Amino acid sequence: ADAAAERLASAVAAGFANPLASRTAAAIAARELPEGGAARLARASVFVTTAERLAGEERRHGGGSSLLRLQWLRLVVDEGHLISAGSLTFAKQFLHRVYAERRWILSGTPARETAASQGARQLGALLGFLKHPLAATFNASLARPFARGVPGSADSLATALRACMVRHLKKDTPLPAPERRTVTLRCSSEEKLAYNTIVAYVRANLVLTAMEGLERGAGWESSLLHPANAASARRALNNVRETCNGGGEQVALLAAGLYDETVLLLQERYRASDAAVGRAESFMRDACAGRASPCDCCGVLARLHLLLPLCAHVVCAECVSPATVACPACALPLPELSYHKCAKCESPRCAHSGPLVEHVENAVDAFAYLQPGFELEWLETRRERAAEQLAKVLDRERARAKAAALRGGSGSVAGLVMGLVAGSGAGAGASSNGMAAAAPSAPASSARPSVHFASDVLGGESMSGASGDANEDESAGLQHSKAGYVIRRLEQLRADAKADSAKANSP
């Protein structure tokens, strides 16, 4: 795995000049089936996949998927009642395309509807998917008489279904009693960091919203414990569980405006020293770049901490409580703020015109408002979103190039493909949807360094304008287990782009 990661790093460094091109090309490559396609699948005894995977195959390849190039012995669909429910989905459409000698549906509720007519229709849809001979006459000869209550129709329906259904009850399936053991597993350093980060994010919400400043309970509505935020609380808890089970890596996102606002708050309202502002900026850059920082109080490593004013110490949420009124690291009290502000908003600098009003802010309220406002997202989710958008752009440009060729024009998508896949500057700017590799520009008055921002292009794919960060991220563009495949897939994309270019330039 380490060797594959090194090969990926060297291939990216040698073949790509554009960070956007390399990340998006690697992301779209990772969504394909393993190398070898149908030949590799044919050597497998069992192939297990998900409905989401099949839906992706239908969207991207349709009838050209490697899964459809084989004659399968047996197709088994778990939770198969979903085939008969709702509208036609990409996953259902793909399943109907699969060539299989035998088809099975597993379901605890094959007819989920309470009404007899609806339940019978669902059974008919399942028989149709199974391509059972009974499906052709099921509705007319069995389902409709049963729905109308025709005498004897229930017995006829049961007799017909016994020929194609096997029913298992728990009482008829003796299983040995389970043996339960508790095994404590040691976390790796990466797993510890991922767990600390997500727990710090959740605890920070609970601590900050429980603090009582000038208004008692002012943060309650934003707390994960508030009933209105139950969905967010469940999602946070699931993230903690997935992190405990090796669920991947969470990355911190910070909107460009929030970075600037935190710096302005320290400079203009807290009158913090240049050294303190520099420490705060360093913490935000490190968090967005995926680098962990130690808590200045207890030393625990995490990507997200709470930022203290004036001293700019960063402390973990475990070292802060709702009763905190001073920095846990240096005991410097949280200061009360007195300043002039816009009468219409809380921004330290805004475009509103009108007189400023004097304002005194409680120390605890000001501390809660100072926090940068990081968001966490699964790294793989962001890459998949980037791959989806890139695929749409490529499909759109190919269609336009073909239309231009039919009209006698010289339009070609080769430049765009070469630009996105091989880092060509000319091609990278050819996209009509305004894709760009640059991060949002900072205000002229701000010396904000380049960091990973949530508002970057490609649906939140982190970008970095700093050459050091960009090169560092290239070597970790994908999880190392996919690195070898990604390299080969990128070479294939380059070859396809060259072929398109040659075809477009041929007389």
Protein backbone atom coordinates (compact mmCIF):
# COMPACT_ATOMS: atom_id res chain seq x y z
CA ALA A 1 0.00 0.00 0.00
CA ASP A 2 2.83 2.40 0.82
CA ALA A 3 4.50 1.65 -2.50
CA ALA A 4 1.23 2.32 -4.33
CA ALA A 5 0.89 5.64 -2.54
CA GLU A 6 4.46 6.57 -3.56
CA ARG A 7 3.71 5.68 -7.18
CA LEU A 8 0.61 7.85 -7.07
CA ALA A 9 2.61 10.76 -5.68
CA SER A 10 5.33 10.43 -8.34
CA ALA A 11 2.80 10.05 -11.16
CA VAL A 12 0.88 13.12 -10.05
CA ALA A 13 4.04 15.16 -9.59
CA ALA A 14 5.29 14.18 -13.04
CA GLY A 15 2.07 14.46 -15.00
CA PHE A 16 0.01 17.25 -13.44
CA ALA A 17 0.55 20.96 -13.12
CA ASN A 18 -2.99 21.78 -12.08
CA PRO A 19 -4.15 20.64 -8.60
CA LEU A 20 -7.80 20.80 -9.70
CA ALA A 21 -7.16 18.53 -12.66
CA SER A 22 -5.32 15.89 -10.66
CA ARG A 23 -7.78 15.75 -7.78
CA THR A 24 -10.90 15.60 -9.93
CA ALA A 25 -9.42 13.07 -12.36
CA ALA A 26 -8.32 10.85 -9.48
CA ALA A 27 -11.75 11.18 -7.88
CA ILE A 28 -13.65 10.14 -10.99
CA ALA A 29 -11.23 7.27 -11.57
CA ALA A 30 -11.85 5.91 -8.08
CA ARG A 31 -15.55 5.51 -8.79
CA GLU A 32 -14.97 2.89 -11.49
CA LEU A 33 -15.04 -0.87 -10.92
CA PRO A 34 -11.73 -2.56 -10.06
CA GLU A 35 -9.20 -2.95 -12.84
CA GLY A 36 -9.80 -5.94 -15.06
CA GLY A 37 -13.50 -5.33 -15.63
CA ALA A 38 -15.55 -8.32 -16.79
CA ALA A 39 -12.56 -10.68 -16.89
CA ARG A 40 -11.81 -10.13 -13.22
CA LEU A 41 -15.46 -10.44 -12.25
CA ALA A 42 -15.73 -13.72 -14.17
CA ARG A 43 -13.07 -15.26 -11.90
CA ALA A 44 -15.09 -14.50 -8.75
CA SER A 45 -17.40 -17.01 -7.12
CA VAL A 46 -19.52 -14.34 -5.42
CA PHE A 47 -19.82 -10.64 -6.18
CA VAL A 48 -21.44 -8.49 -3.47
CA THR A 49 -22.49 -4.90 -4.16
CA THR A 50 -25.05 -2.29 -3.10
CA ALA A 51 -28.03 -0.57 -4.66
CA GLU A 52 -26.08 2.71 -4.62
CA ARG A 53 -23.27 1.10 -6.59
CA LEU A 54 -25.69 -0.27 -9.19
CA ALA A 55 -27.39 3.12 -9.49
CA GLY A 56 -23.99 4.68 -10.19
CA GLU A 57 -23.25 2.08 -12.86
CA GLU A 58 -26.57 2.83 -14.56
CA ARG A 59 -25.99 6.58 -14.51
CA ARG A 60 -22.42 6.41 -15.81
CA HIS A 61 -22.40 3.40 -18.14
CA GLY A 62 -25.95 2.15 -18.74
CA GLY A 63 -25.79 -0.99 -20.86
CA GLY A 64 -21.99 -0.71 -21.16
CA SER A 65 -21.22 -1.68 -17.57
CA SER A 66 -18.78 -4.53 -16.93
CA LEU A 67 -21.46 -6.15 -14.75
CA LEU A 68 -23.66 -6.60 -17.82
CA ARG A 69 -21.01 -8.33 -19.93
CA LEU A 70 -21.33 -11.59 -18.00
CA GLN A 71 -23.93 -14.32 -17.79
CA TRP A 72 -24.48 -14.71 -14.04
CA LEU A 73 -25.55 -18.03 -12.58
CA ARG A 74 -27.65 -16.57 -9.79
CA LEU A 75 -28.82 -13.04 -8.93
CA VAL A 76 -29.92 -12.59 -5.29
CA VAL A 77 -31.52 -9.29 -4.29
CA ASP A 78 -31.76 -8.63 -0.56
CA GLU A 79 -34.60 -6.42 0.67
CA GLY A 80 -36.11 -7.23 -2.70
CA HIS A 81 -39.53 -5.79 -1.84
CA LEU A 82 -38.05 -2.40 -2.78
CA ILE A 83 -38.14 -3.51 -6.42
CA SER A 84 -41.92 -3.34 -6.41
CA ALA A 85 -42.20 -0.10 -4.37
CA GLY A 86 -42.21 3.43 -5.71
CA SER A 87 -41.09 4.67 -9.09
CA LEU A 88 -38.42 3.23 -11.37
CA THR A 89 -34.96 4.07 -10.01
CA PHE A 90 -31.50 3.73 -11.56
CA ALA A 91 -30.80 0.70 -9.37
CA LYS A 92 -34.03 -1.03 -10.41
CA GLN A 93 -33.37 -0.25 -14.06
CA PHE A 94 -29.90 -1.76 -13.81
CA LEU A 95 -31.13 -4.90 -12.04
CA HIS A 96 -33.60 -5.54 -14.84
CA ARG A 97 -30.68 -5.45 -17.32
CA VAL A 98 -28.59 -8.09 -15.51
CA TYR A 99 -28.31 -11.44 -17.33
CA ALA A 100 -28.85 -14.23 -14.80
CA GLU A 101 -29.86 -17.86 -15.19
CA ARG A 102 -31.69 -17.78 -11.83
CA ARG A 103 -33.15 -14.90 -9.88
CA TRP A 104 -33.99 -14.80 -6.18
CA ILE A 105 -35.58 -12.12 -4.02
CA LEU A 106 -35.07 -12.06 -0.25
CA SER A 107 -37.65 -10.13 1.74
CA GLY A 108 -39.34 -10.24 5.10
CA THR A 109 -42.25 -8.18 3.71
CA PRO A 110 -42.84 -9.11 0.05
CA ALA A 111 -46.30 -7.47 0.17
CA ARG A 112 -45.94 -4.47 2.46
CA GLU A 113 -49.19 -2.65 1.72
CA THR A 114 -52.17 -3.25 4.01
CA ALA A 115 -54.76 -3.20 1.22
CA ALA A 116 -55.20 -6.58 -0.45
CA SER A 117 -55.23 -5.11 -3.97
CA GLN A 118 -51.97 -3.18 -3.43
CA GLY A 119 -50.24 -6.15 -1.82
CA ALA A 120 -51.25 -8.42 -4.70
CA ARG A 121 -49.93 -5.88 -7.25
CA GLN A 122 -46.59 -5.83 -5.45
CA LEU A 123 -46.36 -9.61 -5.61
CA GLY A 124 -47.06 -9.40 -9.33
CA ALA A 125 -44.23 -6.87 -9.78
CA LEU A 126 -41.82 -9.17 -7.96
CA LEU A 127 -42.84 -12.10 -10.18
CA GLY A 128 -42.26 -9.88 -13.21
CA PHE A 129 -38.72 -9.08 -12.05
CA LEU A 130 -38.09 -12.80 -11.50
CA LYS A 131 -39.33 -13.43 -15.07
CA HIS A 132 -41.52 -16.18 -13.67
CA PRO A 133 -44.05 -17.71 -16.13
CA LEU A 134 -46.82 -16.95 -13.64
CA ALA A 135 -46.21 -13.20 -14.03
CA ALA A 136 -48.01 -12.98 -17.40
CA THR A 137 -51.40 -14.05 -15.99
CA PHE A 138 -50.93 -13.24 -12.29
CA ASN A 139 -53.00 -10.05 -12.17
CA ALA A 140 -55.91 -11.29 -14.24
CA SER A 141 -56.23 -14.80 -12.86
CA LEU A 142 -55.10 -14.41 -9.25
CA ALA A 143 -54.58 -10.84 -7.99
CA ARG A 144 -57.86 -9.28 -9.15
CA PRO A 145 -60.13 -12.16 -7.99
CA PHE A 146 -58.33 -12.10 -4.62
CA ALA A 147 -58.79 -8.33 -4.29
CA ARG A 148 -62.53 -8.67 -5.08
CA GLY A 149 -62.93 -11.46 -2.50
CA VAL A 150 -63.96 -14.12 -5.00
CA PRO A 151 -64.58 -17.42 -3.11
CA GLY A 152 -61.61 -19.74 -3.40
CA SER A 153 -59.29 -17.03 -4.75
CA ALA A 154 -57.17 -16.94 -1.56
CA ASP A 155 -56.53 -20.69 -1.78
CA SER A 156 -55.67 -20.38 -5.47
CA LEU A 157 -53.24 -17.53 -4.74
CA ALA A 158 -51.56 -19.45 -1.91
CA THR A 159 -51.22 -22.57 -4.07
CA ALA A 160 -49.64 -20.61 -6.91
CA LEU A 161 -47.20 -18.78 -4.64
CA ARG A 162 -46.04 -21.98 -2.92
CA ALA A 163 -44.52 -23.05 -6.23
CA CYS A 164 -42.17 -20.06 -6.28
CA MET A 165 -41.80 -18.97 -2.65
CA VAL A 166 -39.89 -20.48 0.27
CA ARG A 167 -40.94 -19.21 3.67
CA HIS A 168 -38.69 -19.44 6.71
CA LEU A 169 -39.90 -18.75 10.24
CA LYS A 170 -37.60 -18.16 13.18
CA LYS A 171 -39.15 -21.07 15.08
CA ASP A 172 -38.44 -23.38 12.13
CA THR A 173 -34.81 -22.29 11.83
CA PRO A 174 -32.92 -23.57 14.89
CA LEU A 175 -29.72 -21.65 15.48
CA PRO A 176 -27.13 -22.16 18.20
CA ALA A 177 -27.16 -19.65 21.02
CA PRO A 178 -24.80 -16.75 20.31
CA GLU A 179 -21.53 -16.54 22.17
CA ARG A 180 -20.80 -12.97 23.22
CA ARG A 181 -17.34 -11.70 24.03
CA THR A 182 -16.05 -8.19 24.52
CA VAL A 183 -12.72 -7.55 22.81
CA THR A 184 -10.94 -4.25 23.35
CA LEU A 185 -9.09 -3.08 20.24
CA ARG A 186 -6.29 -0.56 20.27
CA CYS A 187 -6.83 2.37 17.94
CA SER A 188 -4.12 3.39 15.52
CA SER A 189 -2.84 6.96 15.64
CA GLU A 190 -4.97 7.81 12.59
CA GLU A 191 -8.09 6.34 14.19
CA LYS A 192 -7.43 8.24 17.41
CA LEU A 193 -7.08 11.49 15.50
CA ALA A 194 -10.29 10.90 13.52
CA TYR A 195 -12.20 10.03 16.68
CA ASN A 196 -10.84 13.00 18.64
CA THR A 197 -11.76 15.35 15.81
CA ILE A 198 -15.40 14.31 15.49
CA VAL A 199 -15.87 14.14 19.27
CA ALA A 200 -14.29 17.59 19.67
CA TYR A 201 -16.71 18.94 17.06
CA VAL A 202 -19.75 17.51 18.85
CA ARG A 203 -18.61 18.48 22.35
CA ALA A 204 -17.75 22.01 21.24
CA ASN A 205 -21.38 22.44 20.17
CA LEU A 206 -22.65 21.17 23.52
CA VAL A 207 -20.27 23.34 25.57
CA LEU A 208 -20.72 26.57 23.62
CA THR A 209 -24.51 26.30 23.51
CA ALA A 210 -24.64 25.53 27.24
CA MET A 211 -22.61 28.61 28.23
CA GLU A 212 -24.75 31.33 29.77
CA GLY A 213 -23.74 34.87 29.02
CA LEU A 214 -25.91 37.96 29.14
CA GLU A 215 -28.94 35.99 27.94
CA ARG A 216 -29.60 32.73 29.77
CA GLY A 217 -30.17 29.84 27.39
CA ALA A 218 -29.46 31.95 24.30
CA GLY A 219 -27.61 29.07 22.58
CA TRP A 220 -30.16 26.35 23.39
CA GLU A 221 -31.83 26.49 19.97
CA SER A 222 -28.49 25.67 18.29
CA SER A 223 -27.66 22.77 20.60
CA LEU A 224 -27.61 19.21 19.32
CA LEU A 225 -29.68 18.36 22.40
CA HIS A 226 -32.56 20.60 21.25
CA PRO A 227 -35.52 18.52 19.97
CA ALA A 228 -35.60 20.50 16.74
CA ASN A 229 -32.03 19.37 15.98
CA ALA A 230 -32.69 15.65 16.50
CA ALA A 231 -31.73 14.79 12.91
CA SER A 232 -28.38 16.56 13.26
CA ALA A 233 -27.78 14.82 16.59
CA ARG A 234 -28.43 11.39 15.03
CA ARG A 235 -26.09 12.22 12.16
CA ALA A 236 -23.37 13.31 14.62
CA LEU A 237 -23.76 10.12 16.64
CA ASN A 238 -23.58 7.99 13.48
CA ASN A 239 -20.39 9.81 12.49
CA VAL A 240 -18.88 8.93 15.87
CA ARG A 241 -19.87 5.28 15.39
CA GLU A 242 -18.47 5.14 11.87
CA THR A 243 -15.22 6.70 13.03
CA CYS A 244 -14.95 3.97 15.70
CA ASN A 245 -15.37 1.35 12.97
CA GLY A 246 -12.68 2.70 10.65
CA GLY A 247 -15.17 4.80 8.72
CA GLY A 248 -12.62 7.01 7.01
CA GLU A 249 -11.41 10.54 7.53
CA GLN A 250 -13.29 13.70 8.43
CA VAL A 251 -11.92 16.94 6.98
CA ALA A 252 -12.49 20.45 8.31
CA LEU A 253 -14.06 23.08 6.06
CA LEU A 254 -13.94 26.81 6.73
CA ALA A 255 -15.69 29.39 4.59
CA ALA A 256 -13.43 32.22 3.42
CA GLY A 257 -15.63 34.87 5.04
CA LEU A 258 -15.50 33.14 8.43
CA TYR A 259 -11.70 33.02 8.35
CA ASP A 260 -11.55 36.76 7.65
CA GLU A 261 -14.17 37.53 10.28
CA THR A 262 -12.26 35.65 13.01
CA VAL A 263 -9.09 37.60 12.20
CA LEU A 264 -10.96 40.92 12.22
CA LEU A 265 -12.61 40.12 15.54
CA LEU A 266 -9.23 39.50 17.14
CA GLN A 267 -7.68 42.60 15.59
CA GLU A 268 -10.43 45.18 15.91
CA ARG A 269 -12.59 44.13 18.86
CA TYR A 270 -10.17 42.25 21.10
CA ARG A 271 -7.16 44.38 20.10
CA ALA A 272 -5.12 41.17 20.22
CA SER A 273 -1.38 41.30 19.62
CA ASP A 274 0.11 40.40 16.24
CA ALA A 275 1.59 37.28 17.80
CA ALA A 276 -1.83 36.14 19.06
CA VAL A 277 -3.45 36.80 15.68
CA GLY A 278 -0.66 34.85 14.00
CA ARG A 279 -1.22 31.86 16.31
CA ALA A 280 -4.94 31.92 15.53
CA GLU A 281 -4.29 32.02 11.78
CA SER A 282 -1.82 29.17 12.08
CA PHE A 283 -4.41 27.07 13.93
CA MET A 284 -7.07 27.68 11.26
CA ARG A 285 -4.64 26.89 8.43
CA ASP A 286 -3.52 23.68 10.11
CA ALA A 287 -7.11 22.55 10.73
CA CYS A 288 -8.10 23.14 7.10
CA ALA A 289 -4.96 21.40 5.83
CA GLY A 290 -5.76 18.33 7.95
CA ARG A 291 -2.91 18.86 10.40
CA ALA A 292 -3.60 18.13 14.05
CA SER A 293 -2.81 20.58 16.84
CA PRO A 294 -2.18 19.75 20.50
CA CYS A 295 -4.44 21.20 23.17
CA ASP A 296 -2.48 23.90 25.01
CA CYS A 297 -3.95 22.64 28.28
CA CYS A 298 -3.92 18.81 28.22
CA GLY A 299 -1.93 18.07 25.05
CA VAL A 300 -4.51 15.87 23.27
CA LEU A 301 -4.14 15.89 19.48
CA ALA A 302 -7.15 16.90 17.33
CA ARG A 303 -7.81 18.94 14.22
CA LEU A 304 -10.46 21.09 15.91
CA HIS A 305 -10.12 23.02 19.17
CA LEU A 306 -11.66 26.09 20.75
CA LEU A 307 -9.86 29.39 20.21
CA LEU A 308 -9.26 31.71 23.17
CA PRO A 309 -9.04 35.51 22.65
CA LEU A 310 -6.04 37.71 23.57
CA CYS A 311 -3.72 34.77 24.32
CA ALA A 312 -4.89 32.79 21.25
CA HIS A 313 -4.42 29.48 23.05
CA VAL A 314 -6.26 26.55 21.49
CA VAL A 315 -7.82 24.10 23.92
CA CYS A 316 -9.89 20.97 23.43
CA ALA A 317 -13.56 20.94 24.31
CA GLU A 318 -12.83 18.60 27.24
CA CYS A 319 -10.84 21.37 28.94
CA VAL A 320 -13.71 23.88 28.64
CA SER A 321 -16.96 23.72 30.56
CA PRO A 322 -20.13 25.84 30.50
CA ALA A 323 -18.79 27.60 33.62
CA THR A 324 -15.46 28.62 32.03
CA VAL A 325 -14.66 32.34 32.41
CA ALA A 326 -10.89 32.24 31.80
CA CYS A 327 -8.39 30.51 29.53
CA PRO A 328 -7.76 26.99 30.89
CA ALA A 329 -4.12 27.18 29.73
CA CYS A 330 -2.99 30.55 31.14
CA ALA A 331 -5.92 31.63 33.38
CA LEU A 332 -6.29 34.91 31.46
CA PRO A 333 -9.92 36.03 32.02
CA LEU A 334 -12.30 36.25 29.08
CA PRO A 335 -12.62 40.01 28.43
CA GLU A 336 -15.85 41.92 28.12
CA LEU A 337 -15.95 43.88 24.86
CA SER A 338 -16.99 47.48 24.31
CA TYR A 339 -17.04 48.75 20.74
CA HIS A 340 -19.06 50.58 18.08
CA LYS A 341 -20.97 48.36 15.69
CA CYS A 342 -23.39 48.50 12.81
CA ALA A 343 -26.98 48.85 13.96
CA LYS A 344 -28.12 46.25 11.38
CA CYS A 345 -25.64 43.37 11.76
CA GLU A 346 -22.87 41.88 13.90
CA SER A 347 -20.14 41.86 11.26
CA PRO A 348 -16.97 43.74 12.26
CA ARG A 349 -16.93 45.26 8.77
CA CYS A 350 -20.03 45.51 6.63
CA ALA A 351 -21.39 47.43 3.66
CA HIS A 352 -24.33 48.95 5.54
CA SER A 353 -24.44 52.72 5.64
CA GLY A 354 -25.56 54.66 8.68
CA PRO A 355 -24.28 55.64 12.09
CA LEU A 356 -22.55 53.15 14.39
CA VAL A 357 -23.94 52.39 17.83
CA GLU A 358 -22.02 51.70 21.01
CA HIS A 359 -22.27 48.11 22.14
CA VAL A 360 -21.08 46.19 25.18
CA GLU A 361 -20.81 42.42 24.73
CA ASN A 362 -20.71 39.88 27.52
CA ALA A 363 -17.37 38.04 27.76
CA VAL A 364 -18.91 34.57 27.39
CA ASP A 365 -21.11 35.58 24.46
CA ALA A 366 -18.10 37.16 22.71
CA PHE A 367 -16.03 33.99 23.23
CA ALA A 368 -18.73 31.83 21.66
CA TYR A 369 -19.08 34.23 18.71
CA LEU A 370 -15.29 34.27 18.15
CA GLN A 371 -15.10 30.57 17.20
CA PRO A 372 -14.28 30.22 13.47
CA GLY A 373 -17.26 28.01 12.56
CA PHE A 374 -15.64 24.89 11.11
CA GLU A 375 -17.74 22.25 9.39
CA LEU A 376 -16.80 18.57 9.14
CA GLU A 377 -17.39 16.35 6.13
CA TRP A 378 -16.31 12.87 5.11
CA LEU A 379 -13.38 13.14 2.70
CA GLU A 380 -14.71 10.45 0.35
CA THR A 381 -18.07 12.22 0.07
CA ARG A 382 -16.38 15.39 -1.16
CA ARG A 383 -14.33 13.47 -3.72
CA GLU A 384 -17.39 11.65 -5.05
CA ARG A 385 -19.23 14.95 -5.45
CA ALA A 386 -16.24 16.35 -7.34
CA ALA A 387 -16.17 13.29 -9.59
CA GLU A 388 -19.89 13.59 -10.36
CA GLN A 389 -19.51 17.22 -11.39
CA LEU A 390 -16.45 16.50 -13.51
CA ALA A 391 -18.25 13.66 -15.27
CA LYS A 392 -21.17 15.96 -16.09
CA VAL A 393 -18.85 18.61 -17.48
CA LEU A 394 -17.03 16.08 -19.68
CA ASP A 395 -20.29 14.61 -20.98
CA ARG A 396 -21.62 18.08 -21.75
CA GLU A 397 -18.47 19.13 -23.58
CA ARG A 398 -18.33 15.91 -25.60
CA ALA A 399 -21.93 16.44 -26.71
CA ARG A 400 -21.15 20.02 -27.74
CA ALA A 401 -18.06 18.92 -29.67
CA LYS A 402 -20.08 16.29 -31.56
CA ALA A 403 -22.78 18.84 -32.36
CA ALA A 404 -20.15 21.28 -33.62
CA ALA A 405 -18.60 18.57 -35.81
CA LEU A 406 -21.99 17.74 -37.35
CA ARG A 407 -22.45 21.43 -38.17
CA GLY A 408 -19.07 21.46 -39.89
CA GLY A 409 -17.29 23.22 -37.03
CA SER A 410 -13.96 22.32 -35.51
CA GLY A 411 -15.03 22.08 -31.88
CA SER A 412 -13.33 19.32 -29.93
CA VAL A 413 -13.48 18.21 -26.35
CA ALA A 414 -9.91 16.90 -26.46
CA GLY A 415 -8.52 20.17 -25.16
CA LEU A 416 -10.84 20.08 -22.18
CA VAL A 417 -10.12 16.43 -21.42
CA MET A 418 -6.36 16.93 -21.70
CA GLY A 419 -6.60 20.01 -19.54
CA LEU A 420 -8.58 18.34 -16.77
CA VAL A 421 -6.75 15.03 -16.87
CA ALA A 422 -3.20 16.01 -17.84
CA GLY A 423 -3.13 19.50 -16.35
CA SER A 424 -3.13 21.46 -19.63
CA GLY A 425 -3.66 25.13 -18.90
CA ALA A 426 -5.57 25.77 -22.10
CA GLY A 427 -7.90 22.82 -21.63
CA ALA A 428 -8.54 23.53 -17.98
CA GLY A 429 -10.09 26.85 -18.83
CA ALA A 430 -12.27 25.51 -21.61
CA SER A 431 -15.19 24.48 -19.45
CA SER A 432 -18.30 26.52 -20.03
CA ASN A 433 -19.53 26.31 -16.46
CA GLY A 434 -16.81 28.55 -15.09
CA MET A 435 -14.76 25.91 -13.31
CA ALA A 436 -11.57 27.44 -11.98
CA ALA A 437 -8.61 26.26 -10.00
CA ALA A 438 -8.23 29.40 -7.93
CA ALA A 439 -9.63 29.70 -4.42
CA PRO A 440 -11.82 32.69 -3.53
CA SER A 441 -9.73 35.83 -3.39
CA ALA A 442 -9.23 37.58 -0.07
CA PRO A 443 -10.23 41.19 0.55
CA ALA A 444 -7.47 43.65 -0.27
CA SER A 445 -7.17 44.64 3.38
CA SER A 446 -6.67 41.05 4.57
CA ALA A 447 -3.41 39.16 4.40
CA ARG A 448 -5.24 35.86 4.67
CA PRO A 449 -3.01 32.93 3.64
CA SER A 450 -4.32 30.29 1.27
CA VAL A 451 -6.28 27.61 3.13
CA HIS A 452 -8.91 25.00 2.30
CA PHE A 453 -12.29 26.67 2.05
CA ALA A 454 -15.79 25.20 1.92
CA SER A 455 -16.80 27.57 -0.89
CA ASP A 456 -14.22 26.31 -3.41
CA VAL A 457 -15.21 24.90 -6.80
CA LEU A 458 -16.45 21.38 -7.44
CA GLY A 459 -18.95 21.21 -4.62
CA GLY A 460 -16.55 21.82 -1.77
CA GLU A 461 -13.43 19.98 -3.03
CA SER A 462 -10.64 21.53 -1.01
CA MET A 463 -8.21 23.65 -2.99
CA SER A 464 -5.00 25.30 -1.93
CA GLY A 465 -3.15 28.08 -3.63
CA ALA A 466 -0.01 27.48 -1.62
CA SER A 467 2.42 25.29 -3.55
CA GLY A 468 3.58 23.48 -0.44
CA ASP A 469 0.06 22.50 0.62
CA ALA A 470 -0.88 21.53 -2.91
CA ASN A 471 2.09 19.20 -3.33
CA GLU A 472 1.49 17.70 0.07
CA ASP A 473 -2.16 17.01 -0.76
CA GLU A 474 -1.29 15.41 -4.11
CA SER A 475 0.47 12.50 -2.41
CA ALA A 476 -2.71 11.89 -0.36
CA GLY A 477 -5.17 12.49 -3.21
CA LEU A 478 -6.88 9.16 -2.54
CA GLN A 479 -6.67 6.52 0.12
CA HIS A 480 -3.57 4.42 -0.56
CA SER A 481 -5.59 1.25 -1.16
CA LYS A 482 -6.84 2.77 -4.42
CA ALA A 483 -3.58 4.38 -5.47
CA GLY A 484 -2.37 1.73 -7.89
CA TYR A 485 -5.68 1.59 -9.71
CA VAL A 486 -5.91 5.37 -9.89
CA ILE A 487 -2.52 5.61 -11.60
CA ARG A 488 -3.53 3.13 -14.29
CA ARG A 489 -6.92 4.78 -14.72
CA LEU A 490 -5.35 8.21 -15.17
CA GLU A 491 -3.06 6.80 -17.86
CA GLN A 492 -6.12 5.41 -19.63
CA LEU A 493 -7.86 8.79 -19.44
CA ARG A 494 -4.81 10.45 -20.96
CA ALA A 495 -4.73 7.90 -23.78
CA ASP A 496 -8.44 8.43 -24.49
CA ALA A 497 -7.93 12.19 -24.61
CA LYS A 498 -5.03 11.81 -27.08
CA ALA A 499 -7.16 9.53 -29.23
CA ASP A 500 -9.98 12.08 -29.28
CA SER A 501 -7.50 14.79 -30.25
CA ALA A 502 -6.04 12.71 -33.07
CA LYS A 503 -9.49 11.83 -34.38
CA ALA A 504 -10.57 15.47 -34.32
CA ASN A 505 -7.46 16.59 -36.22
CA SER A 506 -7.58 13.82 -38.82
CA PRO A 507 -8.75 14.87 -42.33
